[in-house]
């Protein structure tokens, strides 16, 4: 139990500073509840007085009351549901009611019928409020498991693998607690659930290290990424989307949440996947994008993916189109002008040739000097025009 308390404290501290704030904060709240449960379980076992043990048991249940709402918030954020203040209140309000019932149990005895722990740390006889809490807690855990399982079934690639591992993280202690409530509770106070939390905590530590579920940098990366007004997708080696910034989620909103879906479902490509620094043009919803691919190679050689940037080039495309149209109009006008000049030239040459010929004949016949000057002027001008 002490190991479970230490592991949960470390996991909660690590998760709290994660860049995916809704996901990391809800998980940190869940691990904080586990820490309270495990810590006061150890204290309960160390205390000799049954009444002191009862007080430690009450403190345990304050942490236990927070767990159903916290794990539901975690599952919803994991499935890309937006977590608002109303969602937090709805998820945590029943937990606060049960915590209030535990705090005032001496007045109504609805949670425990006695205020002392029995021999071998056996919990006091349960009241009706306890069984309502158990039903509520189990139903929330079942909903959590269903949400994560549904997200894992929809996802592919690396994203799917770590979702299935997180599902195992919740299933292990849940199964241990079901065994305790069904077979051990009332006979012995030796609850296997904290031990199961220690084992599942080690599994979660592996998940956090292997897949970077929670980024250790609290604000820097998220602020930088979300301040970029260019849609960005992170694609794993199997061509499945494992991350997207807010701009990408807004751009692809008609297609649904990007995480866990094949990249080809967003950008169909007839050829092989884009290579490093390769670009292509693509349009969606009247917006023209220039897609640029950057290959990501982590320090660990077992993970490789691609960063896909979508730069909006609609204005550039529109300007190029208008430039092409203007050039086409200019070329058409130039061709029209050339055609007009050719027609005019043709129409002038025919009568002008006759005029020049007649003027030349008149000059050869020896005209008077005054007429000769006029005929020479006509002949010179006509030759210039021709």
Protein backbone atom coordinates (compact mmCIF):
# COMPACT_ATOMS: atom_id res chain seq x y z
CA UNK A 1 0.00 0.00 0.00
CA UNK A 2 2.85 2.35 0.75
CA UNK A 3 4.29 1.58 -2.69
CA UNK A 4 0.90 2.31 -4.25
CA UNK A 5 0.78 5.67 -2.42
CA UNK A 6 4.27 6.61 -3.64
CA UNK A 7 3.55 5.52 -7.21
CA UNK A 8 0.25 7.42 -7.34
CA UNK A 9 1.88 10.55 -5.92
CA UNK A 10 4.63 10.42 -8.55
CA UNK A 11 2.16 9.79 -11.38
CA UNK A 12 -0.12 12.61 -10.25
CA UNK A 13 2.79 15.06 -9.95
CA UNK A 14 4.07 14.12 -13.40
CA UNK A 15 0.63 14.34 -15.01
CA UNK A 16 -0.29 17.71 -13.45
CA UNK A 17 2.28 19.56 -15.55
CA UNK A 18 1.15 17.96 -18.81
CA UNK A 19 0.48 20.13 -21.85
CA UNK A 20 -2.87 18.42 -22.54
CA UNK A 21 -4.41 20.17 -19.58
CA UNK A 22 -7.88 18.62 -19.45
CA UNK A 23 -6.44 15.13 -19.77
CA UNK A 24 -3.52 15.65 -17.41
CA UNK A 25 -5.46 17.51 -14.69
CA UNK A 26 -8.25 14.93 -14.56
CA UNK A 27 -5.70 12.11 -14.32
CA UNK A 28 -3.78 14.02 -11.64
CA UNK A 29 -7.04 14.37 -9.67
CA UNK A 30 -7.65 10.63 -10.02
CA UNK A 31 -4.13 9.77 -8.83
CA UNK A 32 -4.49 12.23 -5.93
CA UNK A 33 -7.59 10.32 -4.84
CA UNK A 34 -5.66 7.04 -5.10
CA UNK A 35 -2.86 8.56 -3.02
CA UNK A 36 -5.28 9.58 -0.26
CA UNK A 37 -6.86 6.12 -0.27
CA UNK A 38 -3.53 4.27 -0.10
CA UNK A 39 -1.91 6.65 2.39
CA UNK A 40 -4.69 6.38 4.96
CA UNK A 41 -4.93 2.64 4.37
CA UNK A 42 -1.34 2.41 5.61
CA UNK A 43 -2.18 4.71 8.53
CA UNK A 44 -5.24 2.63 9.40
CA UNK A 45 -3.13 -0.51 9.58
CA UNK A 46 -0.61 1.27 11.83
CA UNK A 47 -3.18 2.54 14.36
CA UNK A 48 -4.13 0.29 17.29
CA UNK A 49 -7.36 1.98 18.39
CA UNK A 50 -10.50 0.92 16.42
CA UNK A 51 -11.92 4.45 16.62
CA UNK A 52 -8.71 5.94 15.25
CA UNK A 53 -8.84 3.30 12.55
CA UNK A 54 -12.39 4.46 11.75
CA UNK A 55 -11.18 8.05 11.31
CA UNK A 56 -8.46 6.82 8.94
CA UNK A 57 -11.11 4.82 7.08
CA UNK A 58 -13.23 7.97 6.68
CA UNK A 59 -10.26 9.83 5.26
CA UNK A 60 -9.69 6.96 2.84
CA UNK A 61 -13.23 7.30 1.55
CA UNK A 62 -12.83 11.01 0.94
CA UNK A 63 -10.28 10.01 -1.68
CA UNK A 64 -12.40 7.10 -2.92
CA UNK A 65 -15.38 9.45 -3.43
CA UNK A 66 -13.37 11.56 -5.88
CA UNK A 67 -12.31 8.63 -8.04
CA UNK A 68 -15.51 7.91 -10.07
CA UNK A 69 -15.93 11.51 -11.23
CA UNK A 70 -12.20 11.94 -11.90
CA UNK A 71 -11.91 8.78 -14.00
CA UNK A 72 -15.01 9.79 -16.00
CA UNK A 73 -13.49 13.22 -16.73
CA UNK A 74 -10.26 11.52 -17.77
CA UNK A 75 -12.09 9.17 -20.15
CA UNK A 76 -14.08 12.00 -21.72
CA UNK A 77 -10.97 14.10 -22.35
CA UNK A 78 -9.18 11.00 -23.66
CA UNK A 79 -12.01 10.55 -26.18
CA UNK A 80 -11.53 14.18 -27.34
CA UNK A 81 -14.66 15.50 -25.61
CA UNK A 82 -14.34 19.16 -24.65
CA UNK A 83 -14.31 19.49 -20.86
CA UNK A 84 -16.22 22.55 -19.68
CA UNK A 85 -16.97 23.79 -16.17
CA UNK A 86 -20.47 22.31 -16.37
CA UNK A 87 -19.03 18.87 -17.16
CA UNK A 88 -16.70 19.07 -14.17
CA UNK A 89 -19.56 20.06 -11.87
CA UNK A 90 -21.85 17.27 -13.11
CA UNK A 91 -19.11 14.66 -12.75
CA UNK A 92 -17.89 15.74 -9.32
CA UNK A 93 -21.13 16.84 -7.63
CA UNK A 94 -22.23 13.29 -6.64
CA UNK A 95 -18.76 12.69 -5.20
CA UNK A 96 -19.10 15.77 -3.03
CA UNK A 97 -22.52 14.58 -1.81
CA UNK A 98 -21.09 11.23 -0.77
CA UNK A 99 -18.15 12.94 0.92
CA UNK A 100 -20.66 15.04 2.86
CA UNK A 101 -22.54 11.87 3.84
CA UNK A 102 -19.29 10.38 5.15
CA UNK A 103 -18.42 13.55 7.08
CA UNK A 104 -21.84 13.57 8.79
CA UNK A 105 -22.18 9.81 9.24
CA UNK A 106 -22.26 10.20 13.03
CA UNK A 107 -25.59 12.03 12.77
CA UNK A 108 -27.47 9.65 10.45
CA UNK A 109 -25.46 6.40 10.29
CA UNK A 110 -26.44 6.03 6.62
CA UNK A 111 -22.96 5.17 5.37
CA UNK A 112 -21.68 2.99 8.21
CA UNK A 113 -23.84 1.69 11.02
CA UNK A 114 -20.99 1.88 13.53
CA UNK A 115 -18.12 4.27 14.08
CA UNK A 116 -15.41 1.75 14.74
CA UNK A 117 -13.42 -0.76 12.74
CA UNK A 118 -13.75 -4.43 13.63
CA UNK A 119 -10.99 -6.96 14.32
CA UNK A 120 -8.52 -7.56 11.49
CA UNK A 121 -9.42 -4.15 10.07
CA UNK A 122 -12.89 -5.30 9.04
CA UNK A 123 -14.94 -2.26 7.96
CA UNK A 124 -18.01 -1.30 10.01
CA UNK A 125 -21.41 -2.67 8.90
CA UNK A 126 -22.56 -0.85 5.79
CA UNK A 127 -25.59 1.44 5.60
CA UNK A 128 -27.82 2.13 2.62
CA UNK A 129 -25.78 5.16 1.48
CA UNK A 130 -22.68 2.96 1.18
CA UNK A 131 -24.38 0.62 -1.28
CA UNK A 132 -25.69 3.55 -3.29
CA UNK A 133 -22.13 4.87 -3.46
CA UNK A 134 -20.82 1.45 -4.56
CA UNK A 135 -23.46 1.29 -7.30
CA UNK A 136 -22.64 4.84 -8.40
CA UNK A 137 -18.89 4.24 -8.35
CA UNK A 138 -19.09 1.00 -10.29
CA UNK A 139 -21.43 2.51 -12.86
CA UNK A 140 -19.02 5.43 -13.43
CA UNK A 141 -16.09 3.04 -13.81
CA UNK A 142 -18.07 0.92 -16.28
CA UNK A 143 -18.92 4.05 -18.29
CA UNK A 144 -15.24 5.07 -18.19
CA UNK A 145 -14.13 1.66 -19.44
CA UNK A 146 -16.79 1.73 -22.17
CA UNK A 147 -15.67 5.19 -23.38
CA UNK A 148 -12.00 4.18 -23.49
CA UNK A 149 -12.80 0.84 -25.18
CA UNK A 150 -14.93 2.58 -27.82
CA UNK A 151 -12.14 5.10 -28.50
CA UNK A 152 -9.59 2.27 -28.72
CA UNK A 153 -11.75 0.34 -31.19
CA UNK A 154 -12.06 3.40 -33.42
CA UNK A 155 -8.36 4.26 -33.23
CA UNK A 156 -5.54 2.67 -35.17
CA UNK A 157 -1.77 2.42 -34.90
CA UNK A 158 0.17 3.75 -31.90
CA UNK A 159 -2.83 5.74 -30.67
CA UNK A 160 -4.89 2.55 -30.39
CA UNK A 161 -2.14 0.65 -28.59
CA UNK A 162 -1.75 3.11 -25.77
CA UNK A 163 -5.53 3.41 -25.41
CA UNK A 164 -5.75 -0.36 -24.85
CA UNK A 165 -2.96 -0.11 -22.28
CA UNK A 166 -4.81 2.66 -20.45
CA UNK A 167 -7.90 0.45 -20.48
CA UNK A 168 -5.82 -2.20 -18.69
CA UNK A 169 -4.73 0.45 -16.18
CA UNK A 170 -8.37 0.90 -15.12
CA UNK A 171 -9.46 -2.74 -15.43
CA UNK A 172 -6.85 -4.16 -13.04
CA UNK A 173 -7.80 -2.23 -9.85
CA UNK A 174 -11.50 -2.32 -10.77
CA UNK A 175 -11.40 -6.12 -10.96
CA UNK A 176 -9.49 -6.32 -7.67
CA UNK A 177 -12.09 -4.12 -5.96
CA UNK A 178 -14.97 -6.19 -7.32
CA UNK A 179 -13.33 -9.31 -5.85
CA UNK A 180 -12.87 -7.54 -2.51
CA UNK A 181 -16.47 -6.30 -2.29
CA UNK A 182 -17.93 -9.63 -3.44
CA UNK A 183 -15.78 -12.10 -1.51
CA UNK A 184 -13.61 -10.44 1.16
CA UNK A 185 -15.47 -7.40 2.47
CA UNK A 186 -16.97 -8.03 5.92
CA UNK A 187 -14.59 -10.96 6.58
CA UNK A 188 -11.22 -9.21 6.41
CA UNK A 189 -9.95 -5.70 5.96
CA UNK A 190 -7.22 -6.80 3.59
CA UNK A 191 -8.21 -4.96 0.42
CA UNK A 192 -6.27 -5.95 -2.70
CA UNK A 193 -7.28 -2.81 -4.58
CA UNK A 194 -4.37 -0.59 -3.45
CA UNK A 195 -1.93 -3.33 -4.46
CA UNK A 196 -3.63 -3.50 -7.85
CA UNK A 197 -3.24 0.28 -8.08
CA UNK A 198 0.50 -0.11 -7.45
CA UNK A 199 0.80 -2.60 -10.33
CA UNK A 200 -1.40 -0.55 -12.67
CA UNK A 201 0.58 2.55 -11.66
CA UNK A 202 3.75 0.91 -12.95
CA UNK A 203 1.88 0.15 -16.17
CA UNK A 204 0.84 3.81 -16.42
CA UNK A 205 4.43 4.90 -15.79
CA UNK A 206 5.47 2.77 -18.76
CA UNK A 207 2.70 4.29 -20.89
CA UNK A 208 3.75 7.82 -19.96
CA UNK A 209 7.39 7.13 -20.75
CA UNK A 210 6.78 5.13 -23.92
CA UNK A 211 4.04 7.23 -25.55
CA UNK A 212 4.37 10.67 -23.89
CA UNK A 213 0.69 10.71 -22.97
CA UNK A 214 1.37 13.72 -20.75
CA UNK A 215 3.97 16.18 -21.96
CA UNK A 216 6.32 17.18 -19.11
CA UNK A 217 6.49 20.78 -20.38
CA UNK A 218 3.40 22.48 -18.97
CA UNK A 219 2.90 25.51 -21.18
CA UNK A 220 5.73 26.15 -23.64
CA UNK A 221 4.87 23.59 -26.30
CA UNK A 222 1.12 24.01 -26.07
CA UNK A 223 1.33 27.81 -26.23
CA UNK A 224 3.65 27.66 -29.25
CA UNK A 225 1.58 25.07 -31.10
CA UNK A 226 -1.78 26.68 -30.42
CA UNK A 227 -0.50 30.14 -31.39
CA UNK A 228 0.33 28.85 -34.89
CA UNK A 229 -2.58 29.60 -37.20
CA UNK A 230 -1.58 26.78 -39.56
CA UNK A 231 -3.35 23.41 -39.23
CA UNK A 232 -0.89 20.74 -38.07
CA UNK A 233 -1.26 16.97 -37.83
CA UNK A 234 1.14 14.43 -36.33
CA UNK A 235 0.99 11.06 -38.10
CA UNK A 236 2.62 7.86 -36.86
CA UNK A 237 4.61 5.38 -38.93
CA UNK A 238 1.39 3.49 -39.77
CA UNK A 239 -0.16 6.65 -41.22
CA UNK A 240 -2.64 7.22 -38.39
CA UNK A 241 -3.16 10.67 -36.85
CA UNK A 242 -1.93 10.80 -33.25
CA UNK A 243 -2.14 14.55 -32.62
CA UNK A 244 -3.54 17.82 -33.95
CA UNK A 245 -3.50 21.47 -32.92
CA UNK A 246 -6.70 23.49 -32.42
CA UNK A 247 -6.48 25.05 -35.88
CA UNK A 248 -6.43 21.58 -37.47
CA UNK A 249 -9.40 20.49 -35.38
CA UNK A 250 -11.36 23.53 -36.56
CA UNK A 251 -10.33 23.02 -40.19
CA UNK A 252 -11.29 19.33 -40.15
CA UNK A 253 -14.37 19.71 -37.93
CA UNK A 254 -16.72 18.43 -40.68
CA UNK A 255 -14.68 15.20 -40.78
CA UNK A 256 -14.72 14.64 -37.00
CA UNK A 257 -11.90 14.40 -34.44
CA UNK A 258 -8.60 13.69 -36.25
CA UNK A 259 -6.91 11.50 -33.60
CA UNK A 260 -6.93 7.80 -34.36
CA UNK A 261 -8.05 8.14 -37.98
CA UNK A 262 -5.99 7.33 -41.08
CA UNK A 263 -4.35 10.37 -42.65
CA UNK A 264 -5.74 9.23 -46.00
CA UNK A 265 -9.27 9.80 -44.69
CA UNK A 266 -8.46 13.52 -44.56
CA UNK A 267 -6.21 13.85 -47.60
CA UNK A 268 -6.75 11.09 -50.17
CA UNK A 269 -3.53 10.55 -52.11
CA UNK A 270 -3.25 8.36 -55.20
CA UNK A 271 0.49 7.89 -54.72
CA UNK A 272 2.77 6.79 -51.86
CA UNK A 273 2.89 8.77 -48.57
CA UNK A 274 4.63 12.12 -48.67
CA UNK A 275 8.35 12.01 -47.99
CA UNK A 276 10.43 14.44 -45.96
CA UNK A 277 9.90 18.07 -47.11
CA UNK A 278 7.72 16.94 -49.99
CA UNK A 279 4.74 19.15 -50.85
CA UNK A 280 1.41 18.79 -52.58
CA UNK A 281 -1.64 20.95 -53.26
CA UNK A 282 -5.05 20.03 -51.86
CA UNK A 283 -8.44 21.72 -51.53
CA UNK A 284 -11.27 21.26 -49.04
CA UNK A 285 -14.38 23.34 -48.49
CA UNK A 286 -13.30 26.03 -50.92
CA UNK A 287 -9.91 26.47 -49.21
CA UNK A 288 -6.68 25.71 -51.09
CA UNK A 289 -3.84 24.23 -49.01
CA UNK A 290 -0.16 23.63 -49.67
CA UNK A 291 0.70 20.50 -47.67
CA UNK A 292 4.27 20.07 -46.46
CA UNK A 293 5.55 16.88 -44.82
CA UNK A 294 8.39 16.70 -42.28
CA UNK A 295 9.62 13.32 -41.10
CA UNK A 296 10.00 13.07 -37.29
CA UNK A 297 12.69 10.76 -35.91
CA UNK A 298 12.73 10.64 -32.12
CA UNK A 299 15.75 9.75 -30.03
CA UNK A 300 14.16 6.34 -29.55
CA UNK A 301 14.60 4.49 -32.83
CA UNK A 302 11.34 2.60 -32.33
CA UNK A 303 9.12 5.63 -33.06
CA UNK A 304 8.95 7.53 -36.30
CA UNK A 305 6.22 9.70 -37.70
CA UNK A 306 5.48 12.74 -39.81
CA UNK A 307 4.48 16.32 -39.10
CA UNK A 308 2.01 17.55 -41.72
CA UNK A 309 1.54 21.32 -42.17
CA UNK A 310 -1.41 22.77 -44.08
CA UNK A 311 -0.70 26.30 -45.32
CA UNK A 312 -3.70 28.22 -46.63
CA UNK A 313 -2.76 29.47 -50.11
CA UNK A 314 -6.27 30.45 -51.20
CA UNK A 315 -5.29 34.13 -51.63
CA UNK A 316 -2.17 33.17 -53.58
CA UNK A 317 -4.18 30.79 -55.78
CA UNK A 318 -6.79 33.46 -56.38
CA UNK A 319 -4.10 36.06 -57.23
CA UNK A 320 -2.40 33.63 -59.64
CA UNK A 321 -5.74 32.87 -61.26
CA UNK A 322 -6.51 36.57 -61.68
CA UNK A 323 -3.00 37.12 -63.11
CA UNK A 324 -3.51 34.31 -65.62
CA UNK A 325 -6.88 35.75 -66.61
CA UNK A 326 -5.35 39.24 -67.07
CA UNK A 327 -2.52 37.81 -69.14
CA UNK A 328 -5.00 35.88 -71.29
CA UNK A 329 -7.02 39.07 -71.83
CA UNK A 330 -3.85 40.99 -72.78
CA UNK A 331 -2.79 38.29 -75.21
CA UNK A 332 -6.28 38.30 -76.74
CA UNK A 333 -6.19 42.09 -77.14
CA UNK A 334 -2.73 41.90 -78.72
CA UNK A 335 -3.92 39.22 -81.13
CA UNK A 336 -6.98 41.31 -81.98
CA UNK A 337 -4.79 44.36 -82.62
CA UNK A 338 -2.46 42.36 -84.87
CA UNK A 339 -5.42 40.97 -86.80
CA UNK A 340 -6.91 44.42 -87.25
CA UNK A 341 -3.58 45.79 -88.52
CA UNK A 342 -3.27 42.90 -90.98
CA UNK A 343 -6.79 43.49 -92.31
CA UNK A 344 -6.25 47.23 -92.63
CA UNK A 345 -2.90 46.67 -94.32
CA UNK A 346 -4.45 44.25 -96.79
CA UNK A 347 -7.32 46.59 -97.55
CA UNK A 348 -4.95 49.52 -98.15
CA UNK A 349 -2.41 47.69 -100.32
CA UNK A 350 -4.85 46.81 -103.11
CA UNK A 351 -6.05 50.36 -104.04
CA UNK A 352 -2.68 51.88 -103.10
CA UNK A 353 -0.87 49.70 -105.62
CA UNK A 354 -3.16 50.91 -108.37
CA UNK A 355 -2.64 54.55 -107.34
CA UNK A 356 1.14 54.18 -107.33
CA UNK A 357 1.07 52.49 -110.72
CA UNK A 358 -1.06 55.22 -112.30
CA UNK A 359 1.13 57.93 -110.76
CA UNK A 360 4.23 56.24 -112.18
CA UNK A 361 2.65 56.06 -115.68
CA UNK A 362 1.70 59.75 -115.56
CA UNK A 363 5.27 60.70 -114.60
CA UNK A 364 6.66 58.80 -117.59
CA UNK A 365 4.31 60.65 -119.97
CA UNK A 366 6.03 63.99 -119.24
CA UNK A 367 3.44 66.00 -117.31
CA UNK A 368 3.67 69.73 -116.62
CA UNK A 369 6.04 70.73 -113.76
CA UNK A 370 3.23 71.54 -111.29
CA UNK A 371 1.59 68.15 -111.89
CA UNK A 372 4.96 66.37 -111.77
CA UNK A 373 5.51 67.59 -108.19
CA UNK A 374 2.14 66.25 -107.10
CA UNK A 375 2.69 62.89 -108.82
CA UNK A 376 6.13 62.51 -107.23
CA UNK A 377 4.63 63.26 -103.80
CA UNK A 378 1.94 60.60 -104.35
CA UNK A 379 4.51 58.07 -105.55
CA UNK A 380 6.90 58.72 -102.63
CA UNK A 381 4.14 58.52 -99.96
CA UNK A 382 2.69 55.39 -101.46
CA UNK A 383 6.05 53.64 -101.50
CA UNK A 384 6.54 54.56 -97.85
CA UNK A 385 3.16 53.08 -96.90
CA UNK A 386 3.89 49.90 -98.81
